[in-house]
Amino acid sequence: MDTTGPTGRLVFHLFGAIDEFQRELIVEGAHEGLTAARARGRVGGRPAAMTELQVGQARQTYTANAPTPFSRSPRPFGVARATVYRHLNPGNPRQGETA
């Protein structure tokens, strides 16, 4: 396609507009599908690594053995040490995403 002339540029822009329209239709359909799945009770994403019970136990262990309660345990609660601390961090925006 020769885009140096006005006709070539017009065709190029039309193809671009059609592709953009198709992409927006796909995104819209994906959003509708996610909304419908949520309405049916489906939850997307990775499952939480720790349950509320485990978080409570970790909080008790942390307060009882501060400042380094998990230093002797290589994988406390069967998850990485960073995961435990992430669930205990009060400033963590993802806190509360436990199952």
N, C-alpha and C. Protein backbone atom coordinates (compact mmCIF):
# COMPACT_ATOMS: atom_id res chain seq x y z
N MET A 1 0.86 -1.17 0.00
CA MET A 1 0.00 0.00 0.00
C MET A 1 0.90 1.23 0.00
N ASP A 2 0.61 2.13 -0.88
CA ASP A 2 1.37 3.37 -0.99
C ASP A 2 0.69 4.44 -0.14
N THR A 3 1.33 4.85 0.96
CA THR A 3 0.73 5.83 1.86
C THR A 3 1.26 7.24 1.62
N THR A 4 1.93 7.44 0.48
CA THR A 4 2.43 8.79 0.21
C THR A 4 1.35 9.69 -0.35
N GLY A 5 0.32 9.13 -0.99
CA GLY A 5 -0.76 9.93 -1.55
C GLY A 5 -1.96 9.98 -0.61
N PRO A 6 -2.92 10.84 -0.91
CA PRO A 6 -4.10 10.99 -0.06
C PRO A 6 -4.96 9.72 -0.01
N THR A 7 -5.06 9.00 -1.12
CA THR A 7 -5.88 7.78 -1.13
C THR A 7 -5.25 6.70 -0.24
N GLY A 8 -3.96 6.54 -0.33
CA GLY A 8 -3.26 5.55 0.50
C GLY A 8 -3.38 5.87 1.99
N ARG A 9 -3.26 7.15 2.32
CA ARG A 9 -3.40 7.56 3.73
C ARG A 9 -4.83 7.31 4.22
N LEU A 10 -5.83 7.57 3.37
CA LEU A 10 -7.22 7.34 3.74
C LEU A 10 -7.46 5.86 4.02
N VAL A 11 -6.98 4.99 3.13
CA VAL A 11 -7.16 3.55 3.31
C VAL A 11 -6.44 3.10 4.58
N PHE A 12 -5.23 3.62 4.81
CA PHE A 12 -4.46 3.26 6.00
C PHE A 12 -5.22 3.65 7.26
N HIS A 13 -5.80 4.85 7.29
CA HIS A 13 -6.57 5.31 8.45
C HIS A 13 -7.86 4.50 8.63
N LEU A 14 -8.49 4.12 7.53
CA LEU A 14 -9.70 3.31 7.64
C LEU A 14 -9.38 1.94 8.25
N PHE A 15 -8.30 1.32 7.79
CA PHE A 15 -7.90 0.04 8.37
C PHE A 15 -7.60 0.19 9.86
N GLY A 16 -6.92 1.26 10.23
CA GLY A 16 -6.61 1.51 11.63
C GLY A 16 -7.87 1.69 12.46
N ALA A 17 -8.85 2.43 11.92
CA ALA A 17 -10.10 2.66 12.64
C ALA A 17 -10.88 1.35 12.81
N ILE A 18 -10.90 0.53 11.77
CA ILE A 18 -11.60 -0.75 11.88
C ILE A 18 -10.93 -1.65 12.91
N ASP A 19 -9.61 -1.69 12.92
CA ASP A 19 -8.89 -2.50 13.91
C ASP A 19 -9.15 -2.00 15.33
N GLU A 20 -9.16 -0.69 15.50
CA GLU A 20 -9.43 -0.12 16.82
C GLU A 20 -10.85 -0.47 17.28
N PHE A 21 -11.79 -0.42 16.37
CA PHE A 21 -13.17 -0.78 16.68
C PHE A 21 -13.27 -2.24 17.10
N GLN A 22 -12.60 -3.13 16.37
CA GLN A 22 -12.63 -4.54 16.73
C GLN A 22 -12.02 -4.77 18.10
N ARG A 23 -10.93 -4.10 18.42
CA ARG A 23 -10.30 -4.25 19.72
C ARG A 23 -11.24 -3.80 20.83
N GLU A 24 -11.92 -2.68 20.62
CA GLU A 24 -12.85 -2.19 21.64
C GLU A 24 -14.02 -3.15 21.84
N LEU A 25 -14.47 -3.80 20.78
CA LEU A 25 -15.53 -4.80 20.91
C LEU A 25 -15.04 -6.00 21.73
N ILE A 26 -13.80 -6.42 21.52
CA ILE A 26 -13.25 -7.54 22.28
C ILE A 26 -13.15 -7.17 23.75
N VAL A 27 -12.64 -5.98 24.06
CA VAL A 27 -12.51 -5.54 25.45
C VAL A 27 -13.87 -5.45 26.11
N GLU A 28 -14.84 -4.89 25.40
CA GLU A 28 -16.20 -4.76 25.93
C GLU A 28 -16.79 -6.14 26.24
N GLY A 29 -16.59 -7.10 25.33
CA GLY A 29 -17.09 -8.45 25.56
C GLY A 29 -16.42 -9.11 26.75
N ALA A 30 -15.11 -8.87 26.92
CA ALA A 30 -14.40 -9.45 28.06
C ALA A 30 -14.93 -8.88 29.37
N HIS A 31 -15.17 -7.58 29.40
CA HIS A 31 -15.71 -6.96 30.61
C HIS A 31 -17.12 -7.48 30.92
N GLU A 32 -17.92 -7.66 29.89
CA GLU A 32 -19.27 -8.20 30.11
C GLU A 32 -19.20 -9.62 30.65
N GLY A 33 -18.27 -10.42 30.12
CA GLY A 33 -18.10 -11.78 30.59
C GLY A 33 -17.67 -11.83 32.05
N LEU A 34 -16.72 -10.95 32.43
CA LEU A 34 -16.27 -10.90 33.82
C LEU A 34 -17.39 -10.47 34.75
N THR A 35 -18.19 -9.50 34.32
CA THR A 35 -19.31 -9.04 35.13
C THR A 35 -20.34 -10.16 35.31
N ALA A 36 -20.63 -10.88 34.23
CA ALA A 36 -21.58 -11.98 34.32
C ALA A 36 -21.05 -13.10 35.22
N ALA A 37 -19.75 -13.37 35.15
CA ALA A 37 -19.17 -14.41 36.01
C ALA A 37 -19.24 -14.00 37.47
N ARG A 38 -18.97 -12.73 37.77
CA ARG A 38 -19.07 -12.26 39.15
C ARG A 38 -20.51 -12.35 39.65
N ALA A 39 -21.48 -12.08 38.77
CA ALA A 39 -22.89 -12.17 39.16
C ALA A 39 -23.27 -13.61 39.49
N ARG A 40 -22.58 -14.57 38.87
CA ARG A 40 -22.84 -15.98 39.16
C ARG A 40 -22.03 -16.48 40.35
N GLY A 41 -21.26 -15.57 40.97
CA GLY A 41 -20.50 -15.95 42.16
C GLY A 41 -19.08 -16.41 41.89
N ARG A 42 -18.62 -16.30 40.68
CA ARG A 42 -17.25 -16.70 40.35
C ARG A 42 -16.29 -15.59 40.73
N VAL A 43 -15.15 -15.97 41.26
CA VAL A 43 -14.14 -15.00 41.64
C VAL A 43 -12.88 -15.31 40.84
N GLY A 44 -12.33 -14.33 40.19
CA GLY A 44 -11.13 -14.54 39.40
C GLY A 44 -9.88 -14.31 40.22
N GLY A 45 -8.77 -14.62 39.62
CA GLY A 45 -7.48 -14.37 40.25
C GLY A 45 -6.95 -15.57 41.01
N ARG A 46 -5.77 -15.39 41.51
CA ARG A 46 -5.10 -16.45 42.24
C ARG A 46 -5.71 -16.59 43.63
N PRO A 47 -5.89 -17.81 44.13
CA PRO A 47 -6.43 -17.99 45.48
C PRO A 47 -5.47 -17.45 46.53
N ALA A 48 -6.00 -17.04 47.66
CA ALA A 48 -5.19 -16.50 48.73
C ALA A 48 -4.29 -17.61 49.29
N ALA A 49 -3.06 -17.25 49.65
CA ALA A 49 -2.10 -18.22 50.14
C ALA A 49 -2.37 -18.59 51.59
N MET A 50 -2.97 -17.68 52.36
CA MET A 50 -3.22 -17.93 53.78
C MET A 50 -4.69 -17.71 54.10
N THR A 51 -5.22 -18.55 54.98
CA THR A 51 -6.60 -18.39 55.42
C THR A 51 -6.64 -17.36 56.55
N GLU A 52 -7.83 -16.94 56.93
CA GLU A 52 -7.98 -16.00 58.04
C GLU A 52 -7.43 -16.60 59.33
N LEU A 53 -7.63 -17.91 59.52
CA LEU A 53 -7.12 -18.58 60.71
C LEU A 53 -5.59 -18.52 60.75
N GLN A 54 -4.95 -18.79 59.62
CA GLN A 54 -3.50 -18.72 59.56
C GLN A 54 -2.99 -17.31 59.81
N VAL A 55 -3.69 -16.32 59.28
CA VAL A 55 -3.28 -14.93 59.51
C VAL A 55 -3.39 -14.59 60.99
N GLY A 56 -4.46 -15.05 61.63
CA GLY A 56 -4.61 -14.81 63.07
C GLY A 56 -3.51 -15.48 63.88
N GLN A 57 -3.16 -16.71 63.52
CA GLN A 57 -2.09 -17.42 64.21
C GLN A 57 -0.75 -16.71 63.98
N ALA A 58 -0.52 -16.26 62.77
CA ALA A 58 0.71 -15.54 62.48
C ALA A 58 0.78 -14.24 63.26
N ARG A 59 -0.34 -13.55 63.38
CA ARG A 59 -0.38 -12.30 64.14
C ARG A 59 -0.05 -12.56 65.62
N GLN A 60 -0.60 -13.64 66.17
CA GLN A 60 -0.31 -13.99 67.57
C GLN A 60 1.17 -14.34 67.73
N THR A 61 1.71 -15.13 66.82
CA THR A 61 3.12 -15.50 66.88
C THR A 61 4.00 -14.26 66.76
N TYR A 62 3.62 -13.36 65.89
CA TYR A 62 4.42 -12.16 65.66
C TYR A 62 4.45 -11.28 66.92
N THR A 63 3.30 -11.08 67.54
CA THR A 63 3.26 -10.21 68.73
C THR A 63 3.93 -10.87 69.92
N ALA A 64 3.87 -12.20 70.01
CA ALA A 64 4.47 -12.90 71.16
C ALA A 64 5.99 -13.02 71.04
N ASN A 65 6.50 -13.08 69.82
CA ASN A 65 7.93 -13.33 69.60
C ASN A 65 8.64 -12.20 68.87
N ALA A 66 8.11 -11.00 68.91
CA ALA A 66 8.74 -9.89 68.20
C ALA A 66 10.13 -9.68 68.75
N PRO A 67 11.10 -9.22 68.04
CA PRO A 67 11.05 -8.65 66.70
C PRO A 67 11.27 -9.63 65.56
N THR A 68 11.77 -10.86 65.81
CA THR A 68 12.02 -11.79 64.70
C THR A 68 11.33 -13.12 64.96
N PRO A 69 10.01 -13.17 64.88
CA PRO A 69 9.29 -14.40 65.23
C PRO A 69 9.44 -15.53 64.21
N PHE A 70 9.70 -15.22 62.96
CA PHE A 70 9.72 -16.24 61.93
C PHE A 70 11.13 -16.53 61.42
N SER A 71 12.14 -16.02 62.10
CA SER A 71 13.50 -16.20 61.61
C SER A 71 13.98 -17.64 61.70
N ARG A 72 13.47 -18.43 62.64
CA ARG A 72 13.91 -19.82 62.81
C ARG A 72 13.13 -20.78 61.92
N SER A 73 12.00 -20.35 61.42
CA SER A 73 11.15 -21.23 60.61
C SER A 73 11.39 -20.93 59.13
N PRO A 74 11.83 -21.94 58.35
CA PRO A 74 12.12 -21.66 56.94
C PRO A 74 10.88 -21.35 56.11
N ARG A 75 9.76 -22.01 56.41
CA ARG A 75 8.52 -21.75 55.67
C ARG A 75 7.37 -21.76 56.65
N PRO A 76 7.18 -20.66 57.37
CA PRO A 76 6.10 -20.64 58.36
C PRO A 76 4.74 -20.75 57.67
N PHE A 77 3.87 -21.58 58.22
CA PHE A 77 2.50 -21.79 57.71
C PHE A 77 2.48 -22.33 56.29
N GLY A 78 3.59 -22.91 55.85
CA GLY A 78 3.65 -23.51 54.53
C GLY A 78 3.74 -22.50 53.39
N VAL A 79 4.02 -21.26 53.70
CA VAL A 79 4.18 -20.23 52.68
C VAL A 79 5.50 -19.51 52.93
N ALA A 80 5.92 -18.72 51.99
CA ALA A 80 7.17 -17.98 52.14
C ALA A 80 7.04 -16.96 53.27
N ARG A 81 8.16 -16.67 53.92
CA ARG A 81 8.16 -15.71 55.01
C ARG A 81 7.63 -14.34 54.55
N ALA A 82 7.96 -13.96 53.33
CA ALA A 82 7.48 -12.68 52.80
C ALA A 82 5.96 -12.65 52.71
N THR A 83 5.33 -13.78 52.41
CA THR A 83 3.87 -13.84 52.34
C THR A 83 3.27 -13.59 53.71
N VAL A 84 3.87 -14.18 54.74
CA VAL A 84 3.37 -13.97 56.10
C VAL A 84 3.46 -12.49 56.46
N TYR A 85 4.62 -11.90 56.23
CA TYR A 85 4.79 -10.49 56.56
C TYR A 85 3.88 -9.58 55.73
N ARG A 86 3.63 -9.97 54.48
CA ARG A 86 2.74 -9.17 53.64
C ARG A 86 1.32 -9.16 54.22
N HIS A 87 0.89 -10.30 54.78
CA HIS A 87 -0.44 -10.36 55.39
C HIS A 87 -0.50 -9.62 56.72
N LEU A 88 0.64 -9.48 57.38
CA LEU A 88 0.67 -8.81 58.69
C LEU A 88 0.88 -7.31 58.58
N ASN A 89 1.35 -6.84 57.44
CA ASN A 89 1.68 -5.43 57.27
C ASN A 89 0.41 -4.58 57.26
N PRO A 90 0.22 -3.69 58.25
CA PRO A 90 -1.01 -2.91 58.30
C PRO A 90 -1.14 -1.90 57.16
N GLY A 91 -0.04 -1.48 56.58
CA GLY A 91 -0.10 -0.52 55.47
C GLY A 91 -0.21 -1.17 54.12
N ASN A 92 -0.37 -2.49 54.08
CA ASN A 92 -0.41 -3.22 52.83
C ASN A 92 -1.78 -3.04 52.16
N PRO A 93 -1.82 -2.51 50.94
CA PRO A 93 -3.12 -2.33 50.27
C PRO A 93 -3.79 -3.65 49.93
N ARG A 94 -3.03 -4.77 49.87
CA ARG A 94 -3.63 -6.06 49.54
C ARG A 94 -4.05 -6.82 50.77
N GLN A 95 -3.86 -6.25 51.95
CA GLN A 95 -4.25 -6.95 53.17
C GLN A 95 -5.76 -7.17 53.17
N GLY A 96 -6.19 -8.31 53.63
CA GLY A 96 -7.61 -8.61 53.67
C GLY A 96 -8.07 -9.40 52.48
N GLU A 97 -7.15 -9.76 51.56
CA GLU A 97 -7.54 -10.56 50.41
C GLU A 97 -7.42 -12.04 50.71
N THR A 98 -7.49 -12.40 51.98
CA THR A 98 -7.38 -13.82 52.33
C THR A 98 -8.71 -14.51 52.13
N ALA A 99 -8.65 -15.83 51.98
CA ALA A 99 -9.88 -16.60 51.75
C ALA A 99 -10.65 -16.80 53.02
